[in-house]
Amino acid sequence: MEATIDEMVSRLRTAESCDEELTLVQGWADAGRIDELLHLGEALLEADSAAAAAVRWGVITALAARPGAFSVVAALQLAGDERIPVPDKRRAAALLAAGQPLENLDAFFADAGPKDEVLACLLQETVLRHGDLSAVPEAVAYAEALHGTHPLGELPLRLAEFEHVRAVTEPYRTLPLWPDQGGAEPTATVERLPWALDEVAPGTSHRLAGAGGRVESGLFRLSAPWQPDLLTSLPLECLAGAESVRVRELALAGAFAAVFATTAQEGSGAYARLHTRQALARLADVARPGEARCRWWQFVVDGPWFYREPGSLGLLAVRPDGAVAVLAATGAD
């Protein structure tokens, strides 16, 4: 006999495992039992155990993935509750955009307010998946309401050409290391200029580091024209103790893809897009990344600073005036 919702919630308050409940949730979703899923999710808002939170998230996930307006209403109602943590609100928006066709979502933008974090994220998650919402009246009106009132309000409703994330196929080249490791003597002197990403874009820097990670950035003036072999001449902590350094040149689209892959690790494509655009603009010293006239280089370091983390980032922008801006980020050990 199937347990009642009250019985399930009572058990989950002290349970160490919730596998049975998660299986039941998926079964209800497959059977279209949206009312019961919504009632279960609402009941679990009052429960504060890890098992209850896992099942509550399972309910939101199941609703987001089942196409249908009623599923969207239920998912938005649960995810929008003030007791749902903000990171989960943003992840729920990404799941809705991935699980629902556009025609199931656009009407919800009509009455959305600038303080609705789920719908603000959903608008930009939908842009990421469909490329262009500039012809959707509800989306246009909501974007105008968000402009100047929400961080995501600065994002356009159409992806730029460089934002169409694609695989980067350019090969890396291994650089010679320092003189004490058999490399050549430096051929340029280096001056560090007063600039750091965490000063000009602290939110972006925090996003890149994530929980327990770290970010390094710097701006340098070299006495010789830039060439990749000069990378190891830069006084960067992320290069200290390196066993190998590999580098490749990228187009702006490749630079966007590299940063986006790092900033999207928390599950929110909307904020990943925002912080990627901000990072690229700051590195290039322009208002918008599409205005950048830099040469972009990605570098990969085998060394203690990066912990060999797969989501690590090494990016370098050579500005038109010859200044070299560097950004490196790595996750926790």
Protein backbone atom coordinates (compact mmCIF):
# COMPACT_ATOMS: atom_id res chain seq x y z
CA MET A 1 0.00 0.00 0.00
CA GLU A 2 1.33 3.46 -0.96
CA ALA A 3 2.20 5.69 1.99
CA THR A 4 0.27 8.92 2.41
CA ILE A 5 2.04 12.24 1.95
CA ASP A 6 1.88 12.91 5.69
CA GLU A 7 3.45 9.53 6.40
CA MET A 8 6.21 10.17 3.87
CA VAL A 9 7.03 13.58 5.32
CA SER A 10 7.04 12.20 8.85
CA ARG A 11 9.50 9.46 7.89
CA LEU A 12 11.75 11.81 5.95
CA ARG A 13 12.23 14.09 8.96
CA THR A 14 14.50 11.48 10.53
CA ALA A 15 15.38 9.20 7.61
CA GLU A 16 18.96 8.63 6.51
CA SER A 17 17.90 7.34 3.07
CA CYS A 18 15.22 8.48 0.65
CA ASP A 19 15.66 6.10 -2.29
CA GLU A 20 12.11 4.74 -2.04
CA GLU A 21 10.60 8.21 -1.97
CA LEU A 22 12.64 9.35 -4.96
CA THR A 23 11.48 6.31 -6.92
CA LEU A 24 7.89 7.10 -5.97
CA VAL A 25 8.31 10.73 -7.06
CA GLN A 26 9.52 9.65 -10.49
CA GLY A 27 6.62 7.21 -10.76
CA TRP A 28 4.12 9.96 -9.98
CA ALA A 29 5.74 12.18 -12.59
CA ASP A 30 5.62 9.44 -15.22
CA ALA A 31 1.94 8.90 -14.41
CA GLY A 32 1.15 12.61 -14.60
CA ARG A 33 0.16 12.88 -10.94
CA ILE A 34 1.12 16.55 -10.78
CA ASP A 35 -1.29 17.43 -7.93
CA GLU A 36 0.28 14.87 -5.62
CA LEU A 37 3.79 16.00 -6.52
CA LEU A 38 2.89 19.60 -5.73
CA HIS A 39 1.28 18.67 -2.42
CA LEU A 40 4.28 16.56 -1.46
CA GLY A 41 6.69 19.34 -2.37
CA GLU A 42 4.71 21.89 -0.36
CA ALA A 43 4.60 19.58 2.66
CA LEU A 44 8.36 19.08 2.47
CA LEU A 45 8.97 22.83 2.64
CA GLU A 46 8.44 22.55 6.38
CA ALA A 47 10.87 19.63 6.80
CA ASP A 48 14.54 20.49 7.30
CA SER A 49 16.32 17.14 7.09
CA ALA A 50 18.77 16.24 4.31
CA ALA A 51 16.48 13.43 3.14
CA ALA A 52 13.49 15.78 2.96
CA ALA A 53 15.52 18.35 1.00
CA ALA A 54 16.66 15.66 -1.45
CA VAL A 55 13.09 14.50 -2.11
CA ARG A 56 11.86 18.09 -2.38
CA TRP A 57 14.52 18.74 -5.02
CA GLY A 58 13.52 15.48 -6.69
CA VAL A 59 9.95 16.77 -6.91
CA ILE A 60 11.07 20.04 -8.53
CA THR A 61 13.33 18.15 -10.93
CA ALA A 62 10.54 15.75 -11.92
CA LEU A 63 8.06 18.58 -12.50
CA ALA A 64 10.52 20.60 -14.57
CA ALA A 65 11.27 17.63 -16.80
CA ARG A 66 7.64 16.72 -17.54
CA PRO A 67 6.35 18.87 -20.43
CA GLY A 68 3.08 20.61 -19.74
CA ALA A 69 1.79 23.95 -18.47
CA PHE A 70 0.49 22.42 -15.23
CA SER A 71 3.93 20.96 -14.52
CA VAL A 72 5.49 24.39 -15.08
CA VAL A 73 2.99 26.06 -12.73
CA ALA A 74 3.74 23.51 -10.01
CA ALA A 75 7.51 23.73 -10.46
CA LEU A 76 7.45 27.55 -10.38
CA GLN A 77 5.25 27.53 -7.30
CA LEU A 78 7.63 25.28 -5.40
CA ALA A 79 10.91 26.77 -6.63
CA GLY A 80 9.64 30.29 -6.04
CA ASP A 81 8.91 29.69 -2.37
CA GLU A 82 11.06 31.84 -0.09
CA ARG A 83 12.21 28.73 1.79
CA ILE A 84 13.96 27.37 -1.30
CA PRO A 85 17.66 28.37 -1.31
CA VAL A 86 18.64 30.83 -4.05
CA PRO A 87 21.09 28.40 -5.74
CA ASP A 88 18.25 25.87 -6.05
CA LYS A 89 15.98 28.52 -7.56
CA ARG A 90 18.58 29.15 -10.25
CA ARG A 91 19.12 25.44 -10.90
CA ALA A 92 15.34 24.94 -11.14
CA ALA A 93 15.17 27.62 -13.83
CA ALA A 94 17.85 25.82 -15.83
CA LEU A 95 15.94 22.53 -15.54
CA LEU A 96 12.70 24.15 -16.67
CA ALA A 97 14.34 25.69 -19.72
CA ALA A 98 15.87 22.34 -20.61
CA GLY A 99 12.72 20.30 -19.98
CA GLN A 100 9.98 22.47 -21.46
CA PRO A 101 9.28 23.79 -24.97
CA LEU A 102 9.24 27.57 -25.32
CA GLU A 103 5.45 27.66 -25.77
CA ASN A 104 5.06 26.28 -22.24
CA LEU A 105 7.16 29.08 -20.75
CA ASP A 106 6.70 32.40 -22.53
CA ALA A 107 3.30 33.21 -21.00
CA PHE A 108 4.78 33.13 -17.49
CA PHE A 109 6.98 36.13 -18.28
CA ALA A 110 3.92 38.34 -18.78
CA ASP A 111 3.16 38.81 -15.08
CA ALA A 112 6.69 38.26 -13.70
CA GLY A 113 8.29 40.83 -11.45
CA PRO A 114 11.96 41.89 -11.15
CA LYS A 115 12.26 40.24 -7.72
CA ASP A 116 11.25 36.81 -9.01
CA GLU A 117 14.63 35.06 -9.12
CA VAL A 118 13.31 31.88 -10.74
CA LEU A 119 11.65 33.67 -13.66
CA ALA A 120 14.52 36.14 -14.10
CA CYS A 121 16.86 33.16 -14.47
CA LEU A 122 14.36 31.27 -16.60
CA LEU A 123 14.25 34.13 -19.10
CA GLN A 124 17.99 33.93 -19.71
CA GLU A 125 18.14 30.14 -19.51
CA THR A 126 15.58 30.13 -22.32
CA VAL A 127 17.73 32.54 -24.33
CA LEU A 128 20.67 30.15 -23.95
CA ARG A 129 18.63 27.26 -25.34
CA HIS A 130 16.74 29.06 -28.10
CA GLY A 131 19.26 31.72 -29.07
CA ASP A 132 16.88 34.63 -29.61
CA LEU A 133 13.77 35.76 -27.72
CA SER A 134 13.74 39.29 -29.12
CA ALA A 135 10.56 38.53 -31.09
CA VAL A 136 8.65 37.14 -28.06
CA PRO A 137 6.56 40.03 -26.66
CA GLU A 138 6.35 38.63 -23.12
CA ALA A 139 10.10 38.13 -23.00
CA VAL A 140 10.80 41.64 -24.32
CA ALA A 141 8.49 43.24 -21.74
CA TYR A 142 10.02 41.26 -18.89
CA ALA A 143 13.57 42.02 -20.02
CA GLU A 144 12.70 45.72 -19.95
CA ALA A 145 11.36 45.34 -16.40
CA LEU A 146 14.58 43.61 -15.31
CA HIS A 147 16.87 46.22 -16.83
CA GLY A 148 18.41 48.25 -14.01
CA THR A 149 16.55 46.30 -11.32
CA HIS A 150 18.13 42.83 -11.50
CA PRO A 151 21.70 41.69 -12.26
CA LEU A 152 20.51 39.63 -15.24
CA GLY A 153 18.78 42.69 -16.66
CA GLU A 154 21.94 43.71 -18.51
CA LEU A 155 21.89 40.58 -20.66
CA PRO A 156 20.48 40.83 -24.19
CA LEU A 157 17.68 38.55 -25.40
CA ARG A 158 19.78 37.38 -28.34
CA LEU A 159 22.98 35.40 -28.17
CA ALA A 160 25.93 37.05 -29.89
CA GLU A 161 27.78 34.97 -32.44
CA PHE A 162 30.64 34.37 -30.00
CA GLU A 163 28.19 33.07 -27.37
CA HIS A 164 27.19 30.01 -29.36
CA VAL A 165 29.34 27.67 -27.31
CA ARG A 166 31.14 25.11 -29.43
CA ALA A 167 34.02 22.74 -28.94
CA VAL A 168 37.49 24.28 -29.22
CA THR A 169 39.75 22.17 -31.43
CA GLU A 170 42.91 24.27 -31.62
CA PRO A 171 45.89 22.21 -30.41
CA TYR A 172 48.01 23.19 -27.43
CA ARG A 173 51.74 23.85 -27.64
CA THR A 174 54.02 23.02 -24.71
CA LEU A 175 56.17 25.96 -23.62
CA PRO A 176 59.78 25.84 -22.46
CA LEU A 177 59.96 26.37 -18.71
CA TRP A 178 62.30 28.47 -16.60
CA PRO A 179 66.10 28.61 -17.03
CA ASP A 180 66.70 26.37 -13.98
CA GLN A 181 64.58 23.73 -15.72
CA GLY A 182 66.25 23.94 -19.10
CA GLY A 183 64.24 26.80 -20.57
CA ALA A 184 65.57 29.92 -22.21
CA GLU A 185 66.41 33.08 -20.31
CA PRO A 186 63.55 35.64 -20.27
CA THR A 187 63.63 37.94 -23.29
CA ALA A 188 61.48 40.70 -21.81
CA THR A 189 61.14 42.65 -18.60
CA VAL A 190 57.71 42.67 -16.99
CA GLU A 191 55.91 45.47 -15.16
CA ARG A 192 52.78 44.67 -13.12
CA LEU A 193 50.07 47.31 -13.57
CA PRO A 194 47.44 48.25 -10.93
CA TRP A 195 44.53 46.02 -11.98
CA ALA A 196 42.87 42.87 -10.66
CA LEU A 197 39.57 41.20 -11.55
CA ASP A 198 38.40 40.97 -7.94
CA GLU A 199 38.66 44.77 -7.74
CA VAL A 200 36.79 45.61 -10.95
CA ALA A 201 34.31 42.70 -10.88
CA PRO A 202 34.20 41.07 -7.41
CA GLY A 203 31.03 39.08 -8.17
CA THR A 204 32.62 37.55 -11.23
CA SER A 205 35.76 36.69 -9.31
CA HIS A 206 33.72 34.98 -6.59
CA ARG A 207 31.75 33.04 -9.17
CA LEU A 208 34.90 31.78 -10.87
CA ALA A 209 36.41 30.56 -7.61
CA GLY A 210 33.30 28.79 -6.37
CA ALA A 211 33.27 27.23 -2.91
CA GLY A 212 36.80 26.84 -1.61
CA GLY A 213 38.52 27.64 -4.90
CA ARG A 214 40.76 30.54 -5.82
CA VAL A 215 41.30 33.12 -8.52
CA GLU A 216 44.39 34.98 -9.68
CA SER A 217 44.43 37.88 -12.09
CA GLY A 218 46.85 40.56 -13.19
CA LEU A 219 47.71 43.10 -15.83
CA PHE A 220 51.26 43.35 -17.19
CA ARG A 221 53.32 45.52 -19.51
CA LEU A 222 56.15 43.73 -21.32
CA SER A 223 59.22 45.32 -22.87
CA ALA A 224 58.92 43.09 -25.95
CA PRO A 225 55.98 42.24 -28.23
CA TRP A 226 53.84 39.42 -26.89
CA GLN A 227 54.62 35.86 -27.86
CA PRO A 228 53.42 32.72 -26.02
CA ASP A 229 56.90 31.84 -24.73
CA LEU A 230 56.73 34.97 -22.57
CA LEU A 231 53.90 33.53 -20.46
CA THR A 232 56.32 31.89 -18.04
CA SER A 233 58.02 35.27 -17.52
CA LEU A 234 54.90 36.62 -15.82
CA PRO A 235 55.02 36.73 -11.99
CA LEU A 236 51.95 34.57 -11.38
CA GLU A 237 51.37 32.28 -8.41
CA CYS A 238 49.45 29.87 -10.63
CA LEU A 239 52.67 29.13 -12.56
CA ALA A 240 54.83 28.47 -9.49
CA GLY A 241 56.17 24.92 -9.36
CA ALA A 242 54.69 24.06 -12.75
CA GLU A 243 55.72 20.75 -14.29
CA SER A 244 54.45 21.78 -17.71
CA VAL A 245 52.67 24.73 -19.33
CA ARG A 246 50.68 24.40 -22.54
CA VAL A 247 49.12 27.23 -24.52
CA ARG A 248 46.88 27.78 -27.54
CA GLU A 249 45.40 30.82 -29.27
CA LEU A 250 41.62 31.23 -29.27
CA ALA A 251 39.04 33.31 -31.05
CA LEU A 252 36.62 35.29 -28.87
CA ALA A 253 34.13 32.40 -29.09
CA GLY A 254 36.74 30.04 -27.69
CA ALA A 255 37.52 32.44 -24.85
CA PHE A 256 33.81 32.66 -24.05
CA ALA A 257 33.51 28.86 -24.06
CA ALA A 258 36.50 28.49 -21.73
CA VAL A 259 35.18 30.93 -19.12
CA PHE A 260 31.57 29.76 -19.46
CA ALA A 261 32.61 26.16 -18.74
CA THR A 262 34.10 27.30 -15.43
CA THR A 263 31.31 29.66 -14.35
CA ALA A 264 28.52 27.20 -15.27
CA GLN A 265 29.64 24.55 -12.79
CA GLU A 266 27.11 25.67 -10.18
CA GLY A 267 24.23 24.81 -12.49
CA SER A 268 23.03 28.27 -13.55
CA GLY A 269 23.62 29.06 -17.20
CA ALA A 270 22.05 32.49 -16.80
CA TYR A 271 24.59 33.70 -14.26
CA ALA A 272 27.37 31.86 -16.06
CA ARG A 273 26.58 33.91 -19.16
CA LEU A 274 26.48 37.13 -17.13
CA HIS A 275 29.81 36.54 -15.39
CA THR A 276 31.51 35.24 -18.52
CA ARG A 277 30.59 38.38 -20.42
CA GLN A 278 31.77 40.53 -17.51
CA ALA A 279 35.07 38.69 -17.20
CA LEU A 280 35.85 38.98 -20.91
CA ALA A 281 34.93 42.67 -20.98
CA ARG A 282 37.14 43.41 -17.96
CA LEU A 283 40.06 41.47 -19.43
CA ALA A 284 39.71 43.35 -22.71
CA ASP A 285 39.01 46.73 -21.01
CA VAL A 286 35.82 47.31 -23.00
CA ALA A 287 32.19 47.86 -22.05
CA ARG A 288 30.90 44.75 -23.85
CA PRO A 289 32.84 41.66 -24.91
CA GLY A 290 31.76 41.99 -28.52
CA GLU A 291 33.84 45.19 -28.67
CA ALA A 292 37.05 43.37 -27.71
CA ARG A 293 39.94 43.61 -30.13
CA CYS A 294 42.27 41.37 -28.16
CA ARG A 295 44.18 38.25 -28.99
CA TRP A 296 43.12 35.48 -26.66
CA TRP A 297 45.24 32.63 -25.32
CA GLN A 298 44.25 29.71 -23.13
CA PHE A 299 46.87 28.01 -20.97
CA VAL A 300 46.89 24.75 -19.02
CA VAL A 301 49.32 24.18 -16.17
CA ASP A 302 50.29 20.95 -14.47
CA GLY A 303 51.29 22.31 -11.11
CA PRO A 304 50.31 22.65 -7.45
CA TRP A 305 48.19 25.81 -7.80
CA PHE A 306 45.66 24.21 -10.13
CA TYR A 307 45.36 20.91 -8.21
CA ARG A 308 44.86 19.25 -11.63
CA GLU A 309 41.19 20.22 -11.37
CA PRO A 310 39.24 19.55 -14.62
CA GLY A 311 37.26 22.81 -14.29
CA SER A 312 40.35 25.01 -13.97
CA LEU A 313 40.76 28.06 -16.17
CA GLY A 314 43.79 29.86 -17.56
CA LEU A 315 43.07 32.73 -19.96
CA LEU A 316 45.17 35.60 -21.26
CA ALA A 317 44.12 38.65 -23.28
CA VAL A 318 46.65 40.70 -25.24
CA ARG A 319 45.09 44.15 -25.58
CA PRO A 320 45.67 46.37 -28.62
CA ASP A 321 48.05 48.58 -26.59
CA GLY A 322 50.21 45.54 -25.79
CA ALA A 323 49.12 45.12 -22.17
CA VAL A 324 48.55 41.51 -21.13
CA ALA A 325 45.61 40.69 -18.82
CA VAL A 326 45.59 37.26 -17.18
CA LEU A 327 42.86 35.31 -15.41
CA ALA A 328 43.31 31.96 -13.70
CA ALA A 329 40.82 30.02 -11.57
CA THR A 330 40.72 26.62 -9.95
CA GLY A 331 38.34 24.67 -7.75
CA ALA A 332 38.97 23.38 -4.25
CA ASP A 333 41.55 20.70 -3.59
